[in-house]
N, C-alpha and C. Protein backbone atom coordinates (compact mmCIF):
# COMPACT_ATOMS: atom_id res chain seq x y z
N MET A 1 8.29 5.38 -6.62
CA MET A 1 7.60 6.64 -6.59
C MET A 1 7.38 7.06 -8.04
N GLY A 2 6.23 7.61 -8.34
CA GLY A 2 5.93 8.03 -9.69
C GLY A 2 5.10 9.29 -9.70
N MET A 3 4.73 9.71 -10.87
CA MET A 3 3.92 10.91 -11.03
C MET A 3 2.71 10.54 -11.88
N PHE A 4 1.60 11.17 -11.61
CA PHE A 4 0.45 11.05 -12.49
C PHE A 4 -0.24 12.40 -12.54
N ILE A 5 -1.00 12.61 -13.59
CA ILE A 5 -1.70 13.88 -13.75
C ILE A 5 -3.13 13.70 -13.29
N LYS A 6 -3.56 14.58 -12.42
CA LYS A 6 -4.93 14.57 -11.90
C LYS A 6 -5.62 15.82 -12.42
N ARG A 7 -6.84 15.70 -12.86
CA ARG A 7 -7.57 16.86 -13.37
C ARG A 7 -8.56 17.34 -12.32
N ASP A 8 -8.57 18.65 -12.12
CA ASP A 8 -9.52 19.19 -11.15
C ASP A 8 -10.86 19.42 -11.83
N GLY A 9 -11.84 19.94 -11.11
CA GLY A 9 -13.18 20.14 -11.64
C GLY A 9 -13.24 21.11 -12.81
N MET A 10 -12.25 21.96 -12.94
CA MET A 10 -12.22 22.94 -14.03
C MET A 10 -11.53 22.37 -15.27
N GLY A 11 -11.02 21.15 -15.19
CA GLY A 11 -10.38 20.54 -16.34
C GLY A 11 -8.91 20.89 -16.47
N GLU A 12 -8.35 21.60 -15.50
CA GLU A 12 -6.95 21.95 -15.56
C GLU A 12 -6.12 20.80 -14.99
N ALA A 13 -5.01 20.52 -15.62
CA ALA A 13 -4.14 19.44 -15.14
C ALA A 13 -3.31 19.92 -13.97
N MET A 14 -3.26 19.09 -12.93
CA MET A 14 -2.41 19.38 -11.78
C MET A 14 -1.50 18.17 -11.59
N MET A 15 -0.28 18.40 -11.18
CA MET A 15 0.63 17.29 -10.91
C MET A 15 0.41 16.84 -9.47
N SER A 16 0.36 15.56 -9.26
CA SER A 16 0.19 15.01 -7.93
C SER A 16 1.19 13.88 -7.76
N LYS A 17 1.87 13.83 -6.63
CA LYS A 17 2.89 12.81 -6.40
C LYS A 17 2.26 11.56 -5.81
N LEU A 18 2.57 10.44 -6.43
CA LEU A 18 2.18 9.14 -5.90
C LEU A 18 3.43 8.53 -5.28
N HIS A 19 3.36 8.16 -4.02
CA HIS A 19 4.51 7.61 -3.30
C HIS A 19 4.26 6.16 -2.93
N GLN A 20 5.34 5.41 -2.88
CA GLN A 20 5.27 4.02 -2.42
C GLN A 20 6.55 3.77 -1.62
N GLU A 21 6.38 3.33 -0.38
CA GLU A 21 7.52 3.13 0.52
C GLU A 21 7.42 1.77 1.19
N HIS A 22 8.51 1.00 1.12
CA HIS A 22 8.54 -0.30 1.79
C HIS A 22 8.54 -0.07 3.31
N VAL A 23 7.64 -0.77 4.03
CA VAL A 23 7.54 -0.55 5.46
C VAL A 23 7.75 -1.81 6.31
N LYS A 24 7.58 -3.00 5.74
CA LYS A 24 7.70 -4.20 6.57
C LYS A 24 7.86 -5.44 5.70
N THR A 25 8.55 -6.44 6.24
CA THR A 25 8.64 -7.76 5.61
C THR A 25 8.18 -8.80 6.63
N TYR A 26 7.29 -9.69 6.20
CA TYR A 26 6.83 -10.79 7.04
C TYR A 26 7.09 -12.10 6.31
N PHE A 27 7.15 -13.19 7.07
CA PHE A 27 7.19 -14.52 6.50
C PHE A 27 5.92 -15.23 6.96
N ILE A 28 5.08 -15.56 5.99
CA ILE A 28 3.79 -16.19 6.26
C ILE A 28 3.76 -17.50 5.48
N ASN A 29 3.53 -18.60 6.19
CA ASN A 29 3.59 -19.93 5.58
C ASN A 29 4.92 -20.14 4.86
N LYS A 30 6.00 -19.66 5.49
CA LYS A 30 7.37 -19.79 4.98
C LYS A 30 7.60 -19.03 3.67
N LYS A 31 6.71 -18.09 3.36
CA LYS A 31 6.86 -17.27 2.15
C LYS A 31 6.97 -15.81 2.55
N ARG A 32 7.86 -15.10 1.87
CA ARG A 32 8.07 -13.69 2.17
C ARG A 32 6.92 -12.84 1.62
N VAL A 33 6.44 -11.92 2.45
CA VAL A 33 5.41 -10.95 2.06
C VAL A 33 5.94 -9.56 2.39
N GLU A 34 6.02 -8.71 1.39
CA GLU A 34 6.50 -7.33 1.55
C GLU A 34 5.31 -6.39 1.63
N LEU A 35 5.35 -5.44 2.54
CA LEU A 35 4.29 -4.43 2.67
C LEU A 35 4.85 -3.08 2.24
N ASP A 36 4.17 -2.44 1.31
CA ASP A 36 4.52 -1.10 0.86
C ASP A 36 3.35 -0.18 1.15
N LEU A 37 3.64 0.96 1.76
CA LEU A 37 2.62 1.98 2.01
C LEU A 37 2.55 2.90 0.79
N CYS A 38 1.36 3.16 0.28
CA CYS A 38 1.15 3.99 -0.91
C CYS A 38 0.27 5.18 -0.53
N TRP A 39 0.66 6.37 -1.03
CA TRP A 39 -0.12 7.57 -0.74
C TRP A 39 0.18 8.65 -1.77
N THR A 40 -0.68 9.66 -1.80
CA THR A 40 -0.45 10.83 -2.63
C THR A 40 -0.29 12.04 -1.72
N GLY A 41 0.43 13.03 -2.20
CA GLY A 41 0.67 14.23 -1.41
C GLY A 41 2.06 14.21 -0.82
N ASP A 42 2.29 15.12 0.12
CA ASP A 42 3.61 15.25 0.70
C ASP A 42 3.92 14.19 1.76
N LYS A 43 2.95 13.88 2.62
CA LYS A 43 3.17 12.95 3.73
C LYS A 43 2.03 11.95 3.78
N PRO A 44 2.32 10.71 4.22
CA PRO A 44 1.24 9.71 4.32
C PRO A 44 0.08 10.18 5.19
N GLU A 45 0.39 10.90 6.26
CA GLU A 45 -0.66 11.34 7.19
C GLU A 45 -1.67 12.29 6.52
N ASP A 46 -1.26 12.92 5.42
CA ASP A 46 -2.13 13.88 4.73
C ASP A 46 -3.12 13.20 3.78
N ASP A 47 -2.94 11.90 3.52
CA ASP A 47 -3.80 11.19 2.57
C ASP A 47 -4.70 10.21 3.33
N ASP A 48 -5.98 10.54 3.43
CA ASP A 48 -6.94 9.68 4.12
C ASP A 48 -7.19 8.37 3.38
N ASP A 49 -6.79 8.30 2.11
CA ASP A 49 -7.00 7.09 1.30
C ASP A 49 -5.73 6.26 1.15
N ARG A 50 -4.73 6.48 2.00
CA ARG A 50 -3.49 5.71 1.89
C ARG A 50 -3.79 4.23 2.11
N PHE A 51 -2.95 3.40 1.51
CA PHE A 51 -3.19 1.95 1.56
C PHE A 51 -1.87 1.20 1.47
N TYR A 52 -1.94 -0.11 1.75
CA TYR A 52 -0.78 -0.98 1.66
C TYR A 52 -0.95 -1.91 0.46
N ASP A 53 0.12 -2.06 -0.30
CA ASP A 53 0.19 -3.11 -1.31
C ASP A 53 1.05 -4.21 -0.73
N LEU A 54 0.68 -5.45 -1.03
CA LEU A 54 1.38 -6.63 -0.53
C LEU A 54 2.03 -7.34 -1.71
N TYR A 55 3.30 -7.72 -1.57
CA TYR A 55 4.04 -8.35 -2.66
C TYR A 55 4.68 -9.65 -2.20
N ASP A 56 4.79 -10.61 -3.12
CA ASP A 56 5.51 -11.83 -2.81
C ASP A 56 7.00 -11.64 -3.10
N ALA A 57 7.79 -12.69 -2.92
CA ALA A 57 9.24 -12.61 -3.09
C ALA A 57 9.64 -12.28 -4.53
N ASP A 58 8.77 -12.56 -5.49
CA ASP A 58 9.06 -12.27 -6.90
C ASP A 58 8.55 -10.91 -7.34
N GLY A 59 7.98 -10.15 -6.40
CA GLY A 59 7.49 -8.82 -6.73
C GLY A 59 6.08 -8.78 -7.28
N ARG A 60 5.38 -9.90 -7.24
CA ARG A 60 3.98 -9.92 -7.71
C ARG A 60 3.07 -9.35 -6.62
N CYS A 61 2.17 -8.47 -7.03
CA CYS A 61 1.23 -7.89 -6.07
C CYS A 61 0.21 -8.94 -5.66
N LEU A 62 0.05 -9.13 -4.35
CA LEU A 62 -0.86 -10.14 -3.83
C LEU A 62 -2.27 -9.61 -3.60
N ASN A 63 -2.43 -8.31 -3.68
CA ASN A 63 -3.75 -7.72 -3.45
C ASN A 63 -4.12 -6.71 -4.53
N GLU A 64 -3.70 -6.97 -5.75
CA GLU A 64 -3.98 -6.06 -6.85
C GLU A 64 -5.49 -5.88 -7.02
N GLY A 65 -5.92 -4.63 -7.11
CA GLY A 65 -7.33 -4.32 -7.26
C GLY A 65 -8.10 -4.38 -5.95
N SER A 66 -7.43 -4.73 -4.88
CA SER A 66 -8.07 -4.81 -3.57
C SER A 66 -7.12 -4.23 -2.52
N PRO A 67 -6.96 -2.92 -2.52
CA PRO A 67 -5.98 -2.31 -1.62
C PRO A 67 -6.32 -2.56 -0.15
N PHE A 68 -5.29 -2.76 0.64
CA PHE A 68 -5.43 -2.96 2.08
C PHE A 68 -5.31 -1.58 2.71
N HIS A 69 -6.44 -0.95 3.02
CA HIS A 69 -6.44 0.44 3.49
C HIS A 69 -5.88 0.57 4.90
N ASP A 70 -5.15 1.65 5.11
CA ASP A 70 -4.56 1.96 6.41
C ASP A 70 -5.67 2.39 7.35
N ASP A 71 -5.74 1.76 8.52
CA ASP A 71 -6.79 2.10 9.49
C ASP A 71 -6.34 3.15 10.50
N GLY A 72 -5.12 3.67 10.31
CA GLY A 72 -4.61 4.70 11.20
C GLY A 72 -3.88 4.17 12.42
N ASP A 73 -3.81 2.85 12.56
CA ASP A 73 -3.13 2.24 13.71
C ASP A 73 -1.70 1.83 13.41
N GLY A 74 -1.16 2.26 12.29
CA GLY A 74 0.21 1.89 11.94
C GLY A 74 0.25 0.67 11.04
N VAL A 75 1.44 0.14 10.86
CA VAL A 75 1.65 -1.01 9.98
C VAL A 75 0.88 -2.21 10.51
N PRO A 76 0.10 -2.88 9.66
CA PRO A 76 -0.66 -4.04 10.10
C PRO A 76 0.27 -5.15 10.62
N SER A 77 -0.18 -5.89 11.62
CA SER A 77 0.63 -6.96 12.19
C SER A 77 0.71 -8.15 11.23
N GLN A 78 1.65 -9.03 11.52
CA GLN A 78 1.79 -10.25 10.72
C GLN A 78 0.51 -11.08 10.79
N LYS A 79 -0.11 -11.14 11.96
CA LYS A 79 -1.34 -11.90 12.12
C LYS A 79 -2.46 -11.33 11.24
N VAL A 80 -2.60 -10.02 11.21
CA VAL A 80 -3.63 -9.38 10.40
C VAL A 80 -3.40 -9.65 8.91
N ILE A 81 -2.16 -9.56 8.48
CA ILE A 81 -1.83 -9.80 7.06
C ILE A 81 -2.07 -11.28 6.72
N ALA A 82 -1.68 -12.18 7.61
CA ALA A 82 -1.90 -13.61 7.38
C ALA A 82 -3.39 -13.91 7.24
N GLU A 83 -4.19 -13.33 8.10
CA GLU A 83 -5.64 -13.53 8.03
C GLU A 83 -6.19 -12.96 6.73
N TYR A 84 -5.71 -11.78 6.33
CA TYR A 84 -6.16 -11.15 5.09
C TYR A 84 -5.84 -12.04 3.88
N LEU A 85 -4.67 -12.67 3.91
CA LEU A 85 -4.26 -13.53 2.80
C LEU A 85 -4.81 -14.95 2.92
N GLY A 86 -5.49 -15.23 4.03
CA GLY A 86 -6.09 -16.56 4.21
C GLY A 86 -5.09 -17.60 4.68
N GLY A 87 -4.00 -17.17 5.27
CA GLY A 87 -2.97 -18.12 5.72
C GLY A 87 -2.75 -18.04 7.20
N GLU A 88 -1.78 -18.78 7.65
CA GLU A 88 -1.40 -18.77 9.05
C GLU A 88 -0.04 -18.11 9.19
N ARG A 89 0.28 -17.71 10.42
CA ARG A 89 1.57 -17.07 10.67
C ARG A 89 2.64 -18.05 10.48
């Protein structure tokens, strides 16, 4: 979890909370994939732009620059993540 400064239209700095929470671990092609939900604000449900970051066992982001956006149906299944990464379950 971290903090960043967001500027509103008037140029005034406002503090906004950036959250990251581990939500699931999958094994795809015998490799561990960690899913973290990322959002700003108080609760994930309040952020329409919330997304998942995917990490390997060494902590490297597997989808850097290409966030896996939350579709509102909950944590993506192992099959969906495997397809996104181009692998098999």
